[in-house]
PDB file of all heavy atoms in Angstrom:
ATOM      1  N   THR A   1     -53.715   0.035 -40.985  1.00  0.00           N
ATOM      2  CA  THR A   1     -52.667  -0.051 -42.004  1.00  0.00           C
ATOM      3  C   THR A   1     -52.561   1.279 -42.739  1.00  0.00           C
ATOM      4  O   THR A   1     -53.515   2.041 -42.833  1.00  0.00           O
ATOM      5  CB  THR A   1     -52.978  -1.166 -43.025  1.00  0.00           C
ATOM      6  OG1 THR A   1     -54.245  -0.897 -43.642  1.00  0.00           O
ATOM      7  CG2 THR A   1     -53.028  -2.525 -42.356  1.00  0.00           C
ATOM      8  N   ALA A   2     -51.355   1.509 -43.244  1.00  0.00           N
ATOM      9  CA  ALA A   2     -51.102   2.682 -44.098  1.00  0.00           C
ATOM     10  C   ALA A   2     -51.483   3.993 -43.438  1.00  0.00           C
ATOM     11  O   ALA A   2     -52.028   4.895 -44.074  1.00  0.00           O
ATOM     12  CB  ALA A   2     -51.849   2.529 -45.431  1.00  0.00           C
ATOM     13  N   THR A   3     -51.216   4.115 -42.137  1.00  0.00           N
ATOM     14  CA  THR A   3     -51.458   5.386 -41.461  1.00  0.00           C
ATOM     15  C   THR A   3     -50.150   6.155 -41.357  1.00  0.00           C
ATOM     16  O   THR A   3     -49.081   5.548 -41.207  1.00  0.00           O
ATOM     17  CB  THR A   3     -52.042   5.165 -40.059  1.00  0.00           C
ATOM     18  OG1 THR A   3     -51.074   4.481 -39.253  1.00  0.00           O
ATOM     19  CG2 THR A   3     -53.311   4.333 -40.128  1.00  0.00           C
ATOM     20  N   PRO A   4     -50.189   7.470 -41.401  1.00  0.00           N
ATOM     21  CA  PRO A   4     -48.943   8.248 -41.322  1.00  0.00           C
ATOM     22  C   PRO A   4     -48.158   7.999 -40.048  1.00  0.00           C
ATOM     23  O   PRO A   4     -46.922   8.058 -40.053  1.00  0.00           O
ATOM     24  CB  PRO A   4     -49.443   9.701 -41.389  1.00  0.00           C
ATOM     25  CG  PRO A   4     -50.784   9.627 -42.042  1.00  0.00           C
ATOM     26  CD  PRO A   4     -51.371   8.321 -41.615  1.00  0.00           C
ATOM     27  N   GLU A   5     -48.864   7.692 -38.948  1.00  0.00           N
ATOM     28  CA  GLU A   5     -48.189   7.481 -37.671  1.00  0.00           C
ATOM     29  C   GLU A   5     -47.298   6.243 -37.676  1.00  0.00           C
ATOM     30  O   GLU A   5     -46.383   6.123 -36.854  1.00  0.00           O
ATOM     31  CB  GLU A   5     -49.217   7.342 -36.548  1.00  0.00           C
ATOM     32  CG  GLU A   5     -50.019   8.609 -36.269  1.00  0.00           C
ATOM     33  CD  GLU A   5     -51.141   8.816 -37.271  1.00  0.00           C
ATOM     34  OE1 GLU A   5     -51.446   7.875 -38.051  1.00  0.00           O
ATOM     35  OE2 GLU A   5     -51.726   9.922 -37.278  1.00  0.00           O
ATOM     36  N   GLN A   6     -47.550   5.308 -38.576  1.00  0.00           N
ATOM     37  CA  GLN A   6     -46.764   4.073 -38.605  1.00  0.00           C
ATOM     38  C   GLN A   6     -45.415   4.243 -39.290  1.00  0.00           C
ATOM     39  O   GLN A   6     -44.510   3.431 -39.083  1.00  0.00           O
ATOM     40  CB  GLN A   6     -47.558   2.976 -39.326  1.00  0.00           C
ATOM     41  CG  GLN A   6     -48.802   2.538 -38.575  1.00  0.00           C
ATOM     42  CD  GLN A   6     -49.617   1.541 -39.378  1.00  0.00           C
ATOM     43  OE1 GLN A   6     -49.581   1.538 -40.607  1.00  0.00           O
ATOM     44  NE2 GLN A   6     -50.357   0.700 -38.696  1.00  0.00           N
ATOM     45  N   VAL A   7     -45.252   5.268 -40.083  1.00  0.00           N
ATOM     46  CA  VAL A   7     -44.020   5.450 -40.843  1.00  0.00           C
ATOM     47  C   VAL A   7     -42.887   5.842 -39.888  1.00  0.00           C
ATOM     48  O   VAL A   7     -42.973   6.832 -39.156  1.00  0.00           O
ATOM     49  CB  VAL A   7     -44.193   6.548 -41.917  1.00  0.00           C
ATOM     50  CG1 VAL A   7     -42.877   6.765 -42.659  1.00  0.00           C
ATOM     51  CG2 VAL A   7     -45.296   6.156 -42.881  1.00  0.00           C
ATOM     52  N   GLY A   8     -41.838   5.032 -39.879  1.00  0.00           N
ATOM     53  CA  GLY A   8     -40.705   5.296 -39.004  1.00  0.00           C
ATOM     54  C   GLY A   8     -40.960   5.004 -37.541  1.00  0.00           C
ATOM     55  O   GLY A   8     -40.185   5.425 -36.678  1.00  0.00           O
ATOM     56  N   ALA A   9     -42.031   4.283 -37.244  1.00  0.00           N
ATOM     57  CA  ALA A   9     -42.367   3.961 -35.859  1.00  0.00           C
ATOM     58  C   ALA A   9     -41.848   2.572 -35.499  1.00  0.00           C
ATOM     59  O   ALA A   9     -41.885   1.646 -36.322  1.00  0.00           O
ATOM     60  CB  ALA A   9     -43.883   4.018 -35.658  1.00  0.00           C
ATOM     61  N   PHE A  10     -41.387   2.428 -34.251  1.00  0.00           N
ATOM     62  CA  PHE A  10     -40.866   1.155 -33.769  1.00  0.00           C
ATOM     63  C   PHE A  10     -41.469   0.847 -32.406  1.00  0.00           C
ATOM     64  O   PHE A  10     -41.928   1.731 -31.686  1.00  0.00           O
ATOM     65  CB  PHE A  10     -39.338   1.196 -33.693  1.00  0.00           C
ATOM     66  CG  PHE A  10     -38.694   1.369 -35.038  1.00  0.00           C
ATOM     67  CD1 PHE A  10     -38.423   2.628 -35.532  1.00  0.00           C
ATOM     68  CD2 PHE A  10     -38.411   0.271 -35.825  1.00  0.00           C
ATOM     69  CE1 PHE A  10     -37.858   2.793 -36.784  1.00  0.00           C
ATOM     70  CE2 PHE A  10     -37.857   0.421 -37.084  1.00  0.00           C
ATOM     71  CZ  PHE A  10     -37.574   1.687 -37.564  1.00  0.00           C
ATOM     72  N   LYS A  11     -41.442  -0.420 -32.060  1.00  0.00           N
ATOM     73  CA  LYS A  11     -42.087  -0.877 -30.830  1.00  0.00           C
ATOM     74  C   LYS A  11     -41.391  -0.312 -29.599  1.00  0.00           C
ATOM     75  O   LYS A  11     -40.165  -0.262 -29.524  1.00  0.00           O
ATOM     76  CB  LYS A  11     -42.087  -2.408 -30.775  1.00  0.00           C
ATOM     77  CG  LYS A  11     -42.881  -2.984 -29.611  1.00  0.00           C
ATOM     78  CD  LYS A  11     -42.904  -4.493 -29.680  1.00  0.00           C
ATOM     79  CE  LYS A  11     -43.691  -5.076 -28.498  1.00  0.00           C
ATOM     80  NZ  LYS A  11     -43.706  -6.554 -28.533  1.00  0.00           N
ATOM     81  N   THR A  12     -42.192   0.076 -28.616  1.00  0.00           N
ATOM     82  CA  THR A  12     -41.659   0.538 -27.340  1.00  0.00           C
ATOM     83  C   THR A  12     -41.068  -0.653 -26.588  1.00  0.00           C
ATOM     84  O   THR A  12     -41.806  -1.570 -26.225  1.00  0.00           O
ATOM     85  CB  THR A  12     -42.761   1.160 -26.470  1.00  0.00           C
ATOM     86  OG1 THR A  12     -43.425   2.185 -27.199  1.00  0.00           O
ATOM     87  CG2 THR A  12     -42.185   1.720 -25.179  1.00  0.00           C
ATOM     88  N   PRO A  13     -39.764  -0.682 -26.347  1.00  0.00           N
ATOM     89  CA  PRO A  13     -39.199  -1.820 -25.612  1.00  0.00           C
ATOM     90  C   PRO A  13     -39.484  -1.701 -24.126  1.00  0.00           C
ATOM     91  O   PRO A  13     -39.689  -0.601 -23.600  1.00  0.00           O
ATOM     92  CB  PRO A  13     -37.697  -1.695 -25.890  1.00  0.00           C
ATOM     93  CG  PRO A  13     -37.484  -0.230 -26.072  1.00  0.00           C
ATOM     94  CD  PRO A  13     -38.739   0.290 -26.744  1.00  0.00           C
ATOM     95  N   SER A  14     -39.504  -2.829 -23.431  1.00  0.00           N
ATOM     96  CA  SER A  14     -39.599  -2.806 -21.981  1.00  0.00           C
ATOM     97  C   SER A  14     -38.336  -2.177 -21.401  1.00  0.00           C
ATOM     98  O   SER A  14     -37.238  -2.356 -21.935  1.00  0.00           O
ATOM     99  CB  SER A  14     -39.751  -4.234 -21.445  1.00  0.00           C
ATOM    100  OG  SER A  14     -39.620  -4.249 -20.029  1.00  0.00           O
ATOM    101  N   LEU A  15     -38.501  -1.447 -20.308  1.00  0.00           N
ATOM    102  CA  LEU A  15     -37.341  -0.888 -19.611  1.00  0.00           C
ATOM    103  C   LEU A  15     -36.885  -1.771 -18.459  1.00  0.00           C
ATOM    104  O   LEU A  15     -35.951  -1.405 -17.734  1.00  0.00           O
ATOM    105  CB  LEU A  15     -37.655   0.517 -19.087  1.00  0.00           C
ATOM    106  CG  LEU A  15     -37.871   1.591 -20.157  1.00  0.00           C
ATOM    107  CD1 LEU A  15     -38.034   2.954 -19.499  1.00  0.00           C
ATOM    108  CD2 LEU A  15     -36.733   1.620 -21.162  1.00  0.00           C
ATOM    109  N   ARG A  16     -37.509  -2.920 -18.300  1.00  0.00           N
ATOM    110  CA  ARG A  16     -37.036  -3.865 -17.297  1.00  0.00           C
ATOM    111  C   ARG A  16     -35.592  -4.264 -17.624  1.00  0.00           C
ATOM    112  O   ARG A  16     -35.277  -4.623 -18.765  1.00  0.00           O
ATOM    113  CB  ARG A  16     -37.928  -5.099 -17.267  1.00  0.00           C
ATOM    114  CG  ARG A  16     -39.335  -4.818 -16.757  1.00  0.00           C
ATOM    115  CD  ARG A  16     -39.343  -4.759 -15.258  1.00  0.00           C
ATOM    116  NE  ARG A  16     -40.585  -4.167 -14.718  1.00  0.00           N
ATOM    117  CZ  ARG A  16     -40.766  -3.933 -13.432  1.00  0.00           C
ATOM    118  NH1 ARG A  16     -39.808  -4.234 -12.575  1.00  0.00           N
ATOM    119  NH2 ARG A  16     -41.884  -3.383 -13.025  1.00  0.00           N
ATOM    120  N   ASN A  17     -34.705  -4.179 -16.616  1.00  0.00           N
ATOM    121  CA  ASN A  17     -33.289  -4.548 -16.765  1.00  0.00           C
ATOM    122  C   ASN A  17     -32.561  -3.694 -17.796  1.00  0.00           C
ATOM    123  O   ASN A  17     -31.545  -4.106 -18.354  1.00  0.00           O
ATOM    124  CB  ASN A  17     -33.140  -6.035 -17.114  1.00  0.00           C
ATOM    125  CG  ASN A  17     -33.635  -6.949 -16.009  1.00  0.00           C
ATOM    126  OD1 ASN A  17     -34.074  -6.493 -14.949  1.00  0.00           O
ATOM    127  ND2 ASN A  17     -33.583  -8.234 -16.237  1.00  0.00           N
ATOM    128  N   VAL A  18     -33.067  -2.499 -18.072  1.00  0.00           N
ATOM    129  CA  VAL A  18     -32.528  -1.695 -19.167  1.00  0.00           C
ATOM    130  C   VAL A  18     -31.078  -1.285 -18.935  1.00  0.00           C
ATOM    131  O   VAL A  18     -30.300  -1.164 -19.897  1.00  0.00           O
ATOM    132  CB  VAL A  18     -33.417  -0.455 -19.408  1.00  0.00           C
ATOM    133  CG1 VAL A  18     -33.358   0.511 -18.231  1.00  0.00           C
ATOM    134  CG2 VAL A  18     -33.042   0.239 -20.702  1.00  0.00           C
ATOM    135  N   ALA A  19     -30.669  -1.079 -17.684  1.00  0.00           N
ATOM    136  CA  ALA A  19     -29.305  -0.626 -17.420  1.00  0.00           C
ATOM    137  C   ALA A  19     -28.264  -1.657 -17.856  1.00  0.00           C
ATOM    138  O   ALA A  19     -27.120  -1.300 -18.138  1.00  0.00           O
ATOM    139  CB  ALA A  19     -29.129  -0.308 -15.930  1.00  0.00           C
ATOM    140  N   GLY A  20     -28.656  -2.913 -17.953  1.00  0.00           N
ATOM    141  CA  GLY A  20     -27.723  -3.961 -18.362  1.00  0.00           C
ATOM    142  C   GLY A  20     -27.921  -4.430 -19.787  1.00  0.00           C
ATOM    143  O   GLY A  20     -27.402  -5.496 -20.152  1.00  0.00           O
ATOM    144  N   ARG A  21     -28.651  -3.653 -20.579  1.00  0.00           N
ATOM    145  CA  ARG A  21     -28.964  -4.111 -21.934  1.00  0.00           C
ATOM    146  C   ARG A  21     -28.481  -3.138 -23.010  1.00  0.00           C
ATOM    147  O   ARG A  21     -29.118  -2.991 -24.046  1.00  0.00           O
ATOM    148  CB  ARG A  21     -30.472  -4.330 -22.084  1.00  0.00           C
ATOM    149  CG  ARG A  21     -31.013  -5.537 -21.350  1.00  0.00           C
ATOM    150  CD  ARG A  21     -32.180  -6.149 -22.097  1.00  0.00           C
ATOM    151  NE  ARG A  21     -33.126  -5.154 -22.563  1.00  0.00           N
ATOM    152  CZ  ARG A  21     -34.194  -4.741 -21.889  1.00  0.00           C
ATOM    153  NH1 ARG A  21     -34.427  -5.224 -20.689  1.00  0.00           N
ATOM    154  NH2 ARG A  21     -35.011  -3.843 -22.387  1.00  0.00           N
ATOM    155  N   ALA A  22     -27.372  -2.490 -22.782  1.00  0.00           N
ATOM    156  CA  ALA A  22     -26.805  -1.629 -23.826  1.00  0.00           C
ATOM    157  C   ALA A  22     -26.346  -2.492 -24.997  1.00  0.00           C
ATOM    158  O   ALA A  22     -26.011  -3.665 -24.821  1.00  0.00           O
ATOM    159  CB  ALA A  22     -25.624  -0.856 -23.259  1.00  0.00           C
ATOM    160  N   PRO A  23     -26.305  -1.929 -26.217  1.00  0.00           N
ATOM    161  CA  PRO A  23     -26.701  -0.579 -26.619  1.00  0.00           C
ATOM    162  C   PRO A  23     -28.213  -0.470 -26.835  1.00  0.00           C
ATOM    163  O   PRO A  23     -28.927  -1.464 -26.688  1.00  0.00           O
ATOM    164  CB  PRO A  23     -25.943  -0.364 -27.921  1.00  0.00           C
ATOM    165  CG  PRO A  23     -25.818  -1.734 -28.506  1.00  0.00           C
ATOM    166  CD  PRO A  23     -25.679  -2.669 -27.331  1.00  0.00           C
ATOM    167  N   TYR A  24     -28.660   0.728 -27.237  1.00  0.00           N
ATOM    168  CA  TYR A  24     -30.087   1.017 -27.219  1.00  0.00           C
ATOM    169  C   TYR A  24     -30.618   1.478 -28.578  1.00  0.00           C
ATOM    170  O   TYR A  24     -29.872   1.897 -29.441  1.00  0.00           O
ATOM    171  CB  TYR A  24     -30.368   2.095 -26.159  1.00  0.00           C
ATOM    172  CG  TYR A  24     -29.854   1.684 -24.799  1.00  0.00           C
ATOM    173  CD1 TYR A  24     -28.674   2.222 -24.280  1.00  0.00           C
ATOM    174  CD2 TYR A  24     -30.516   0.722 -24.049  1.00  0.00           C
ATOM    175  CE1 TYR A  24     -28.182   1.824 -23.040  1.00  0.00           C
ATOM    176  CE2 TYR A  24     -30.042   0.321 -22.815  1.00  0.00           C
ATOM    177  CZ  TYR A  24     -28.869   0.868 -22.310  1.00  0.00           C
ATOM    178  OH  TYR A  24     -28.394   0.462 -21.090  1.00  0.00           O
ATOM    179  N   MET A  25     -31.934   1.385 -28.703  1.00  0.00           N
ATOM    180  CA  MET A  25     -32.725   1.722 -29.885  1.00  0.00           C
ATOM    181  C   MET A  25     -32.737   0.557 -30.882  1.00  0.00           C
ATOM    182  O   MET A  25     -31.993  -0.403 -30.748  1.00  0.00           O
ATOM    183  CB  MET A  25     -32.275   3.014 -30.555  1.00  0.00           C
ATOM    184  CG  MET A  25     -32.285   4.208 -29.627  1.00  0.00           C
ATOM    185  SD  MET A  25     -33.935   4.484 -28.900  1.00  0.00           S
ATOM    186  CE  MET A  25     -33.645   5.911 -27.888  1.00  0.00           C
ATOM    187  N   HIS A  26     -33.616   0.653 -31.874  1.00  0.00           N
ATOM    188  CA  HIS A  26     -33.826  -0.469 -32.780  1.00  0.00           C
ATOM    189  C   HIS A  26     -32.594  -0.801 -33.616  1.00  0.00           C
ATOM    190  O   HIS A  26     -32.471  -1.907 -34.138  1.00  0.00           O
ATOM    191  CB  HIS A  26     -35.019  -0.195 -33.708  1.00  0.00           C
ATOM    192  CG  HIS A  26     -34.741   0.852 -34.739  1.00  0.00           C
ATOM    193  ND1 HIS A  26     -34.860   2.195 -34.487  1.00  0.00           N
ATOM    194  CD2 HIS A  26     -34.333   0.755 -36.034  1.00  0.00           C
ATOM    195  CE1 HIS A  26     -34.547   2.881 -35.578  1.00  0.00           C
ATOM    196  NE2 HIS A  26     -34.226   2.038 -36.524  1.00  0.00           N
ATOM    197  N   ASP A  27     -31.671   0.164 -33.731  1.00  0.00           N
ATOM    198  CA  ASP A  27     -30.452  -0.092 -34.487  1.00  0.00           C
ATOM    199  C   ASP A  27     -29.206   0.005 -33.614  1.00  0.00           C
ATOM    200  O   ASP A  27     -28.095   0.091 -34.121  1.00  0.00           O
ATOM    201  CB  ASP A  27     -30.337   0.871 -35.672  1.00  0.00           C
ATOM    202  CG  ASP A  27     -30.451   2.336 -35.256  1.00  0.00           C
ATOM    203  OD1 ASP A  27     -30.518   2.604 -34.034  1.00  0.00           O
ATOM    204  OD2 ASP A  27     -30.472   3.196 -36.149  1.00  0.00           O
ATOM    205  N   GLY A  28     -29.397  -0.024 -32.299  1.00  0.00           N
ATOM    206  CA  GLY A  28     -28.268  -0.040 -31.389  1.00  0.00           C
ATOM    207  C   GLY A  28     -27.352   1.158 -31.485  1.00  0.00           C
ATOM    208  O   GLY A  28     -26.163   1.067 -31.184  1.00  0.00           O
ATOM    209  N   ARG A  29     -27.896   2.310 -31.823  1.00  0.00           N
ATOM    210  CA  ARG A  29     -27.059   3.477 -32.104  1.00  0.00           C
ATOM    211  C   ARG A  29     -26.471   4.128 -30.859  1.00  0.00           C
ATOM    212  O   ARG A  29     -25.451   4.803 -30.938  1.00  0.00           O
ATOM    213  CB  ARG A  29     -27.851   4.522 -32.877  1.00  0.00           C
ATOM    214  CG  ARG A  29     -28.930   5.190 -32.067  1.00  0.00           C
ATOM    215  CD  ARG A  29     -29.649   6.287 -32.834  1.00  0.00           C
ATOM    216  NE  ARG A  29     -30.226   5.794 -34.061  1.00  0.00           N
ATOM    217  CZ  ARG A  29     -29.918   6.268 -35.277  1.00  0.00           C
ATOM    218  NH1 ARG A  29     -29.062   7.249 -35.410  1.00  0.00           N
ATOM    219  NH2 ARG A  29     -30.483   5.771 -36.345  1.00  0.00           N
ATOM    220  N   PHE A  30     -27.121   3.965 -29.707  1.00  0.00           N
ATOM    221  CA  PHE A  30     -26.670   4.636 -28.502  1.00  0.00           C
ATOM    222  C   PHE A  30     -26.009   3.633 -27.562  1.00  0.00           C
ATOM    223  O   PHE A  30     -26.599   2.618 -27.199  1.00  0.00           O
ATOM    224  CB  PHE A  30     -27.839   5.311 -27.785  1.00  0.00           C
ATOM    225  CG  PHE A  30     -28.481   6.417 -28.579  1.00  0.00           C
ATOM    226  CD1 PHE A  30     -29.859   6.572 -28.609  1.00  0.00           C
ATOM    227  CD2 PHE A  30     -27.706   7.305 -29.310  1.00  0.00           C
ATOM    228  CE1 PHE A  30     -30.455   7.589 -29.331  1.00  0.00           C
ATOM    229  CE2 PHE A  30     -28.292   8.323 -30.052  1.00  0.00           C
ATOM    230  CZ  PHE A  30     -29.663   8.469 -30.065  1.00  0.00           C
ATOM    231  N   ALA A  31     -24.797   3.961 -27.140  1.00  0.00           N
ATOM    232  CA  ALA A  31     -24.034   3.049 -26.291  1.00  0.00           C
ATOM    233  C   ALA A  31     -24.386   3.181 -24.822  1.00  0.00           C
ATOM    234  O   ALA A  31     -24.142   2.261 -24.036  1.00  0.00           O
ATOM    235  CB  ALA A  31     -22.537   3.288 -26.488  1.00  0.00           C
ATOM    236  N   THR A  32     -24.943   4.313 -24.419  1.00  0.00           N
ATOM    237  CA  THR A  32     -25.210   4.558 -22.998  1.00  0.00           C
ATOM    238  C   THR A  32     -26.607   5.141 -22.801  1.00  0.00           C
ATOM    239  O   THR A  32     -27.200   5.727 -23.710  1.00  0.00           O
ATOM    240  CB  THR A  32     -24.194   5.559 -22.417  1.00  0.00           C
ATOM    241  OG1 THR A  32     -24.383   6.840 -23.030  1.00  0.00           O
ATOM    242  CG2 THR A  32     -22.766   5.083 -22.647  1.00  0.00           C
TER     243      THR A  32
END
């Protein structure tokens, strides 16, 4: 807890079926 590495860090999503799961990133910012 309370480590600098945790600030702004998000879980690594699986890339399984990734081509059909747009948009991307934790806030869906990227369409492609």
